[in-house]
Amino acid sequence: MRKIKVLIVDDSLIFREVLARGISTDPYIEVVAKAVDPFDARDKILEFEPDVMTCDIEMPRMNGIEFIKRLLPQYPLPVVVVSSVSVAVFEALKAGAVDFVTKPNVQSVQDVEGFIHELIQKIKIAAKAKIPKFVGQSITKVVEEGTSVKGRLIAIGASTGGTEAVFNILKVLPSQIPGILVTQHIPPVFSKMFADRLNESTQLRVKEAQTGDYVDQGSVLIAPGGQHMRLKKVGERYRVECYEGEKVNGHCPSIDVLFESVAKEVGEGAIGIILTGMGYDGAKGLLAMRRKGARTLGQDEKSSVVYGMPKVAFELGAVERQVPLETMAQALVTLLRKVNG
């Protein structure tokens, strides 16, 4: 297996060395160059032709977000953003970065070791990823306000590339859409930032879920980073429980935990959607939903940043229909209309 060639871009000499030494311990990764800023990086991209670039956001002369915006149209290179805790990571993902990793406390050996392990895994995923090309801002609402799309509960699962995929679906849905539950593989703290961003930029009421929250029309609950989210039926309504637990399929929150609870509690009254991501989390849960009569959709290969989870789900027979990201919201509404028609 050929080694993955990595370019590290960071204005801190110490941090560049920490990254280089850390990820070079993996036998399948080779750090071919290090750059101090985007201008230095541009030259080294041409010289070394890396497979993946890690990039800081806060840098002199040009920040990482602007660099990614300018870089990708010319050099479609998978980028993993390395950043402090900030909403800026979502702007980087919107600009075309594949994923992000939070900078560690360099005084903590345990923090640095965990960070290096996570970065190595995300570099390997990025090496197989497609550069995201998401729906443009010209897309309008798929349904006009006032059109009835009541009924059914919607459950969505996503991983790598999922923050922008989820955003591009939710931003074109009407405010009277049935309640939506989302499990996105995302670290703690960032899940609330993600929910707040969606709340500000869509017609829906979006929040990070807490135990006891009810699933209501026009609302979206995002699973908290580091906690599983499952659904319970209470009378004629549904509410969520969020709890810490062991990783399932390598993740907490796990999509399977959500989907399996929806299969059990809602059955044929649900719609399940599995989006871009590496691995197989969510595939068995979506199959359980379909076996209970739920309608199911999966993102297609062409529009997925990483065609892992949707592929496994499709091959298991869990996906009723594969759909491009740009028409996923319309496909969802069409299912709702058929149910209510």
Protein backbone atom coordinates (compact mmCIF):
# COMPACT_ATOMS: atom_id res chain seq x y z
CA MET A 1 0.00 0.00 0.00
CA ARG A 2 1.38 3.39 -1.03
CA LYS A 3 1.89 5.85 1.80
CA ILE A 4 -0.45 8.83 2.08
CA LYS A 5 1.58 11.97 1.35
CA VAL A 6 0.69 14.76 3.80
CA LEU A 7 1.42 18.49 3.76
CA ILE A 8 1.20 20.24 7.16
CA VAL A 9 0.29 23.95 7.15
CA ASP A 10 0.63 25.79 10.47
CA ASP A 11 2.33 29.03 11.47
CA SER A 12 3.66 27.54 14.73
CA LEU A 13 7.02 25.80 14.35
CA ILE A 14 6.47 23.78 17.53
CA PHE A 15 3.02 22.61 16.45
CA ARG A 16 4.23 21.71 12.96
CA GLU A 17 6.85 19.47 14.56
CA VAL A 18 4.33 17.92 16.98
CA LEU A 19 2.05 17.09 14.05
CA ALA A 20 4.83 15.81 11.81
CA ARG A 21 6.39 13.55 14.44
CA GLY A 22 3.03 12.30 15.64
CA ILE A 23 1.40 11.31 12.37
CA SER A 24 4.69 9.96 10.97
CA THR A 25 4.49 7.14 13.54
CA ASP A 26 1.83 5.57 11.32
CA PRO A 27 3.45 3.34 8.69
CA TYR A 28 0.95 4.40 6.03
CA ILE A 29 1.53 8.16 6.35
CA GLU A 30 4.46 10.21 5.09
CA VAL A 31 4.84 13.92 5.86
CA VAL A 32 6.32 15.18 2.59
CA ALA A 33 6.44 18.89 3.51
CA LYS A 34 5.59 21.52 6.12
CA ALA A 35 4.47 25.07 5.35
CA VAL A 36 4.36 28.18 7.50
CA ASP A 37 1.48 29.93 5.69
CA PRO A 38 -0.81 29.55 2.65
CA PHE A 39 1.69 31.15 0.26
CA ASP A 40 4.40 28.72 1.34
CA ALA A 41 1.84 25.90 1.14
CA ARG A 42 0.86 26.76 -2.43
CA ASP A 43 4.45 26.33 -3.60
CA LYS A 44 4.83 23.05 -1.73
CA ILE A 45 1.60 21.65 -3.15
CA LEU A 46 3.07 22.13 -6.62
CA GLU A 47 6.44 20.68 -5.60
CA PHE A 48 5.39 17.67 -3.51
CA GLU A 49 1.87 16.86 -4.81
CA PRO A 50 0.47 15.75 -1.43
CA ASP A 51 -2.58 13.50 -1.10
CA VAL A 52 -3.95 15.31 1.98
CA MET A 53 -3.30 18.69 3.59
CA THR A 54 -3.76 19.57 7.26
CA CYS A 55 -4.40 23.27 7.72
CA ASP A 56 -4.67 25.67 10.64
CA ILE A 57 -7.40 28.33 10.47
CA GLU A 58 -5.68 31.24 12.24
CA MET A 59 -2.58 32.11 10.22
CA PRO A 60 -0.80 35.33 9.18
CA ARG A 61 -1.21 36.88 5.70
CA MET A 62 -4.24 34.69 4.86
CA ASN A 63 -6.46 32.61 7.13
CA GLY A 64 -7.14 28.95 6.47
CA ILE A 65 -10.75 29.46 5.36
CA GLU A 66 -9.81 31.95 2.64
CA PHE A 67 -6.96 29.68 1.60
CA ILE A 68 -9.29 26.69 1.21
CA LYS A 69 -11.75 28.79 -0.83
CA ARG A 70 -9.01 29.87 -3.20
CA LEU A 71 -7.15 26.56 -3.27
CA LEU A 72 -9.78 23.95 -4.03
CA PRO A 73 -11.04 25.31 -7.37
CA GLN A 74 -7.46 25.05 -8.66
CA TYR A 75 -6.10 22.10 -6.68
CA PRO A 76 -8.86 19.69 -5.50
CA LEU A 77 -6.98 18.47 -2.44
CA PRO A 78 -8.64 16.88 0.63
CA VAL A 79 -8.15 19.19 3.62
CA VAL A 80 -8.37 18.30 7.32
CA VAL A 81 -8.65 21.48 9.39
CA VAL A 82 -6.73 21.59 12.67
CA SER A 83 -8.30 24.29 14.82
CA SER A 84 -9.04 25.54 18.30
CA VAL A 85 -12.65 25.25 19.50
CA SER A 86 -14.45 27.72 17.24
CA VAL A 87 -17.45 28.05 14.93
CA ALA A 88 -14.86 28.85 12.25
CA VAL A 89 -14.53 25.10 11.62
CA PHE A 90 -18.02 25.12 10.07
CA GLU A 91 -16.98 27.91 7.72
CA ALA A 92 -13.97 25.79 6.75
CA LEU A 93 -16.22 22.80 6.07
CA LYS A 94 -18.54 25.02 4.05
CA ALA A 95 -15.51 26.19 2.05
CA GLY A 96 -14.73 22.57 1.17
CA ALA A 97 -12.63 21.04 3.96
CA VAL A 98 -13.37 17.33 4.45
CA ASP A 99 -13.14 17.23 8.26
CA PHE A 100 -11.64 18.87 11.32
CA VAL A 101 -9.71 18.02 14.47
CA THR A 102 -9.55 20.16 17.60
CA LYS A 103 -6.12 21.29 18.74
CA PRO A 104 -5.00 19.62 21.97
CA ASN A 105 -3.56 21.04 25.17
CA VAL A 106 0.13 20.62 24.28
CA GLN A 107 0.98 20.45 28.00
CA SER A 108 -1.02 17.22 28.30
CA VAL A 109 0.62 14.08 26.92
CA GLN A 110 -2.74 12.29 26.99
CA ASP A 111 -4.42 15.10 25.03
CA VAL A 112 -1.69 15.12 22.40
CA GLU A 113 -1.76 11.33 22.02
CA GLY A 114 -5.54 11.33 21.59
CA PHE A 115 -5.29 14.18 19.09
CA ILE A 116 -2.63 12.40 17.01
CA HIS A 117 -4.67 9.19 16.93
CA GLU A 118 -7.77 11.08 15.78
CA LEU A 119 -5.84 13.06 13.17
CA ILE A 120 -4.28 9.90 11.72
CA GLN A 121 -7.72 8.33 11.32
CA LYS A 122 -9.13 11.45 9.66
CA ILE A 123 -6.17 11.76 7.29
CA LYS A 124 -6.81 8.17 6.16
CA ILE A 125 -10.50 8.93 5.61
CA ALA A 126 -9.69 12.18 3.79
CA ALA A 127 -7.32 10.34 1.44
CA LYS A 128 -10.32 8.36 0.17
CA ALA A 129 -12.77 11.26 0.18
CA LYS A 130 -14.13 13.32 -2.67
CA ILE A 131 -13.93 17.08 -2.41
CA PRO A 132 -17.46 18.14 -1.40
CA LYS A 133 -19.51 19.99 -4.00
CA PHE A 134 -22.64 21.00 -2.20
CA VAL A 135 -25.87 22.56 -3.34
CA GLY A 136 -25.55 26.24 -4.21
CA GLN A 137 -27.48 29.06 -2.60
CA SER A 138 -29.75 29.30 -5.66
CA ILE A 139 -31.83 26.35 -4.43
CA THR A 140 -35.20 27.55 -3.08
CA LYS A 141 -37.60 25.94 -0.63
CA VAL A 142 -38.79 22.58 -1.91
CA VAL A 143 -42.25 23.22 -0.49
CA GLU A 144 -44.12 26.48 -0.12
CA GLU A 145 -45.33 27.44 3.34
CA GLY A 146 -48.84 26.23 4.00
CA THR A 147 -48.51 22.96 2.11
CA SER A 148 -49.40 20.08 4.42
CA VAL A 149 -46.51 17.72 5.13
CA LYS A 150 -47.64 16.53 8.55
CA GLY A 151 -47.21 13.07 9.98
CA ARG A 152 -44.18 10.81 10.20
CA LEU A 153 -41.03 11.35 12.23
CA ILE A 154 -37.74 11.83 10.37
CA ALA A 155 -34.38 10.41 11.54
CA ILE A 156 -31.11 11.38 9.84
CA GLY A 157 -27.61 9.93 10.36
CA ALA A 158 -24.35 11.39 9.00
CA SER A 159 -20.59 11.37 9.50
CA THR A 160 -17.69 12.74 7.40
CA GLY A 161 -19.06 15.47 5.14
CA GLY A 162 -22.33 15.38 7.02
CA THR A 163 -22.47 18.84 8.58
CA GLU A 164 -22.83 20.50 5.20
CA ALA A 165 -25.02 17.70 3.84
CA VAL A 166 -27.47 18.08 6.74
CA PHE A 167 -27.42 21.87 6.37
CA ASN A 168 -28.17 21.66 2.64
CA ILE A 169 -31.19 19.46 3.32
CA LEU A 170 -32.61 21.41 6.25
CA LYS A 171 -32.17 24.85 4.69
CA VAL A 172 -34.76 24.12 1.96
CA LEU A 173 -37.39 22.47 4.16
CA PRO A 174 -40.53 24.36 5.24
CA SER A 175 -41.24 25.22 8.86
CA GLN A 176 -44.19 22.80 9.06
CA ILE A 177 -42.05 19.71 8.36
CA PRO A 178 -42.51 16.83 10.84
CA GLY A 179 -40.04 16.61 13.73
CA ILE A 180 -36.49 15.63 12.81
CA LEU A 181 -33.79 13.83 14.81
CA VAL A 182 -30.16 14.05 13.67
CA THR A 183 -27.18 12.01 14.80
CA GLN A 184 -24.04 13.52 13.32
CA HIS A 185 -20.65 12.13 14.36
CA ILE A 186 -19.23 15.25 16.01
CA PRO A 187 -17.25 16.07 19.17
CA PRO A 188 -18.77 17.61 22.32
CA VAL A 189 -19.16 21.42 22.25
CA PHE A 190 -19.22 21.42 18.45
CA SER A 191 -22.64 19.72 18.43
CA LYS A 192 -24.17 22.78 20.10
CA MET A 193 -22.35 25.11 17.70
CA PHE A 194 -23.67 23.01 14.82
CA ALA A 195 -27.23 23.15 16.16
CA ASP A 196 -27.04 26.92 16.73
CA ARG A 197 -25.74 27.46 13.19
CA LEU A 198 -28.63 25.45 11.74
CA ASN A 199 -31.11 27.29 13.93
CA GLU A 200 -29.89 30.64 12.61
CA SER A 201 -29.73 29.65 8.95
CA THR A 202 -32.88 27.54 8.38
CA GLN A 203 -36.62 28.00 8.89
CA LEU A 204 -36.62 25.25 11.52
CA ARG A 205 -36.20 25.35 15.31
CA VAL A 206 -32.92 23.53 15.87
CA LYS A 207 -31.25 22.75 19.18
CA GLU A 208 -28.78 20.36 20.75
CA ALA A 209 -30.94 17.65 22.29
CA GLN A 210 -31.40 17.18 26.04
CA THR A 211 -33.16 14.35 27.82
CA GLY A 212 -36.86 15.20 28.00
CA ASP A 213 -37.03 17.20 24.77
CA TYR A 214 -40.11 16.39 22.72
CA VAL A 215 -40.04 15.90 18.95
CA ASP A 216 -42.44 18.49 17.54
CA GLN A 217 -43.41 19.68 14.08
CA GLY A 218 -40.86 22.12 12.70
CA SER A 219 -38.23 21.16 15.26
CA VAL A 220 -34.84 19.48 14.85
CA LEU A 221 -32.92 17.83 17.69
CA ILE A 222 -29.18 17.23 17.24
CA ALA A 223 -27.54 14.44 19.27
CA PRO A 224 -24.98 15.91 21.71
CA GLY A 225 -21.35 15.08 21.00
CA GLY A 226 -20.20 12.35 23.39
CA GLN A 227 -23.75 11.16 24.14
CA HIS A 228 -26.06 8.68 22.47
CA MET A 229 -29.59 9.83 21.65
CA ARG A 230 -32.58 7.47 21.58
CA LEU A 231 -36.30 7.95 21.20
CA LYS A 232 -39.15 7.00 23.53
CA LYS A 233 -42.88 7.16 22.93
CA VAL A 234 -44.81 8.89 25.71
CA GLY A 235 -48.55 8.76 25.15
CA GLU A 236 -49.12 10.17 21.66
CA ARG A 237 -45.83 12.08 21.61
CA TYR A 238 -42.14 11.26 21.32
CA ARG A 239 -39.28 12.50 23.44
CA VAL A 240 -35.55 11.85 23.50
CA GLU A 241 -33.14 10.48 26.06
CA CYS A 242 -29.47 11.47 25.86
CA TYR A 243 -26.88 9.51 27.80
CA GLU A 244 -23.18 8.76 28.01
CA GLY A 245 -22.18 5.25 27.06
CA GLU A 246 -19.65 3.04 25.35
CA LYS A 247 -18.99 3.74 21.70
CA VAL A 248 -21.17 1.78 19.28
CA ASN A 249 -19.54 1.00 15.93
CA GLY A 250 -16.70 3.25 17.08
CA HIS A 251 -18.93 6.27 17.72
CA CYS A 252 -20.73 8.15 20.46
CA PRO A 253 -23.24 9.38 19.46
CA SER A 254 -24.08 6.36 17.31
CA ILE A 255 -26.53 6.47 14.43
CA ASP A 256 -27.54 2.85 15.06
CA VAL A 257 -28.64 3.75 18.60
CA LEU A 258 -30.99 6.40 17.20
CA PHE A 259 -32.27 4.37 14.25
CA GLU A 260 -32.93 1.24 16.32
CA SER A 261 -34.94 3.24 18.86
CA VAL A 262 -36.95 4.85 16.05
CA ALA A 263 -37.63 1.40 14.56
CA LYS A 264 -38.89 0.16 17.92
CA GLU A 265 -40.93 3.20 18.97
CA VAL A 266 -42.24 4.59 15.66
CA GLY A 267 -42.11 1.73 13.15
CA GLU A 268 -43.92 2.48 9.91
CA GLY A 269 -44.52 6.07 10.99
CA ALA A 270 -40.86 7.01 10.37
CA ILE A 271 -38.58 8.04 7.54
CA GLY A 272 -34.86 7.25 7.83
CA ILE A 273 -32.08 8.96 5.88
CA ILE A 274 -28.42 7.90 5.88
CA LEU A 275 -25.87 10.35 4.55
CA THR A 276 -22.16 10.52 3.73
CA GLY A 277 -19.62 8.96 6.10
CA MET A 278 -16.95 6.32 6.59
CA GLY A 279 -17.73 2.94 8.13
CA TYR A 280 -21.02 1.19 8.75
CA ASP A 281 -22.71 2.98 11.65
CA GLY A 282 -26.43 3.35 10.96
CA ALA A 283 -26.72 0.56 8.38
CA LYS A 284 -28.21 -2.06 10.71
CA GLY A 285 -30.43 0.48 12.41
CA LEU A 286 -31.79 1.67 9.07
CA LEU A 287 -32.47 -1.94 8.11
CA ALA A 288 -34.39 -2.38 11.37
CA MET A 289 -36.43 0.71 10.48
CA ARG A 290 -37.23 -0.60 7.00
CA ARG A 291 -38.25 -4.00 8.36
CA LYS A 292 -40.72 -2.22 10.64
CA GLY A 293 -42.28 -0.46 7.67
CA ALA A 294 -40.39 2.84 7.69
CA ARG A 295 -39.48 4.52 4.40
CA THR A 296 -35.73 4.88 3.88
CA LEU A 297 -33.40 6.96 1.73
CA GLY A 298 -29.63 6.84 1.26
CA GLN A 299 -27.25 9.37 -0.25
CA ASP A 300 -25.82 8.22 -3.57
CA GLU A 301 -22.14 7.61 -4.28
CA LYS A 302 -21.57 10.58 -6.56
CA SER A 303 -22.71 13.21 -4.06
CA SER A 304 -21.18 11.57 -0.95
CA VAL A 305 -17.89 12.94 0.37
CA VAL A 306 -17.28 9.41 1.68
CA TYR A 307 -19.51 6.66 0.30
CA GLY A 308 -19.14 4.31 3.25
CA MET A 309 -22.20 4.23 5.50
CA PRO A 310 -24.70 4.73 2.64
CA LYS A 311 -23.01 1.96 0.64
CA VAL A 312 -23.14 -0.57 3.49
CA ALA A 313 -26.77 0.33 4.20
CA PHE A 314 -27.66 -0.06 0.52
CA GLU A 315 -25.90 -3.42 0.24
CA LEU A 316 -27.73 -4.65 3.36
CA GLY A 317 -31.05 -3.82 1.76
CA ALA A 318 -31.73 -1.03 4.26
CA VAL A 319 -32.02 1.71 1.62
CA GLU A 320 -35.26 1.84 -0.33
CA ARG A 321 -33.90 4.45 -2.74
CA GLN A 322 -30.53 6.12 -3.34
CA VAL A 323 -30.75 9.87 -3.93
CA PRO A 324 -28.26 12.65 -4.80
CA LEU A 325 -27.79 15.19 -2.02
CA GLU A 326 -29.17 18.01 -4.16
CA THR A 327 -32.56 16.27 -4.47
CA MET A 328 -32.70 14.60 -1.04
CA ALA A 329 -34.99 17.24 0.50
CA GLN A 330 -37.39 16.94 -2.44
CA ALA A 331 -37.36 13.14 -2.16
CA LEU A 332 -38.19 13.45 1.54
CA VAL A 333 -41.10 15.79 0.93
CA THR A 334 -42.39 13.55 -1.87
CA LEU A 335 -42.53 10.64 0.59
CA LEU A 336 -44.41 12.82 3.08
CA ARG A 337 -46.91 13.89 0.44
CA LYS A 338 -47.54 10.30 -0.60
CA VAL A 339 -48.27 9.39 3.00
CA ASN A 340 -50.67 12.29 3.41
CA GLY A 341 -52.16 12.16 -0.07
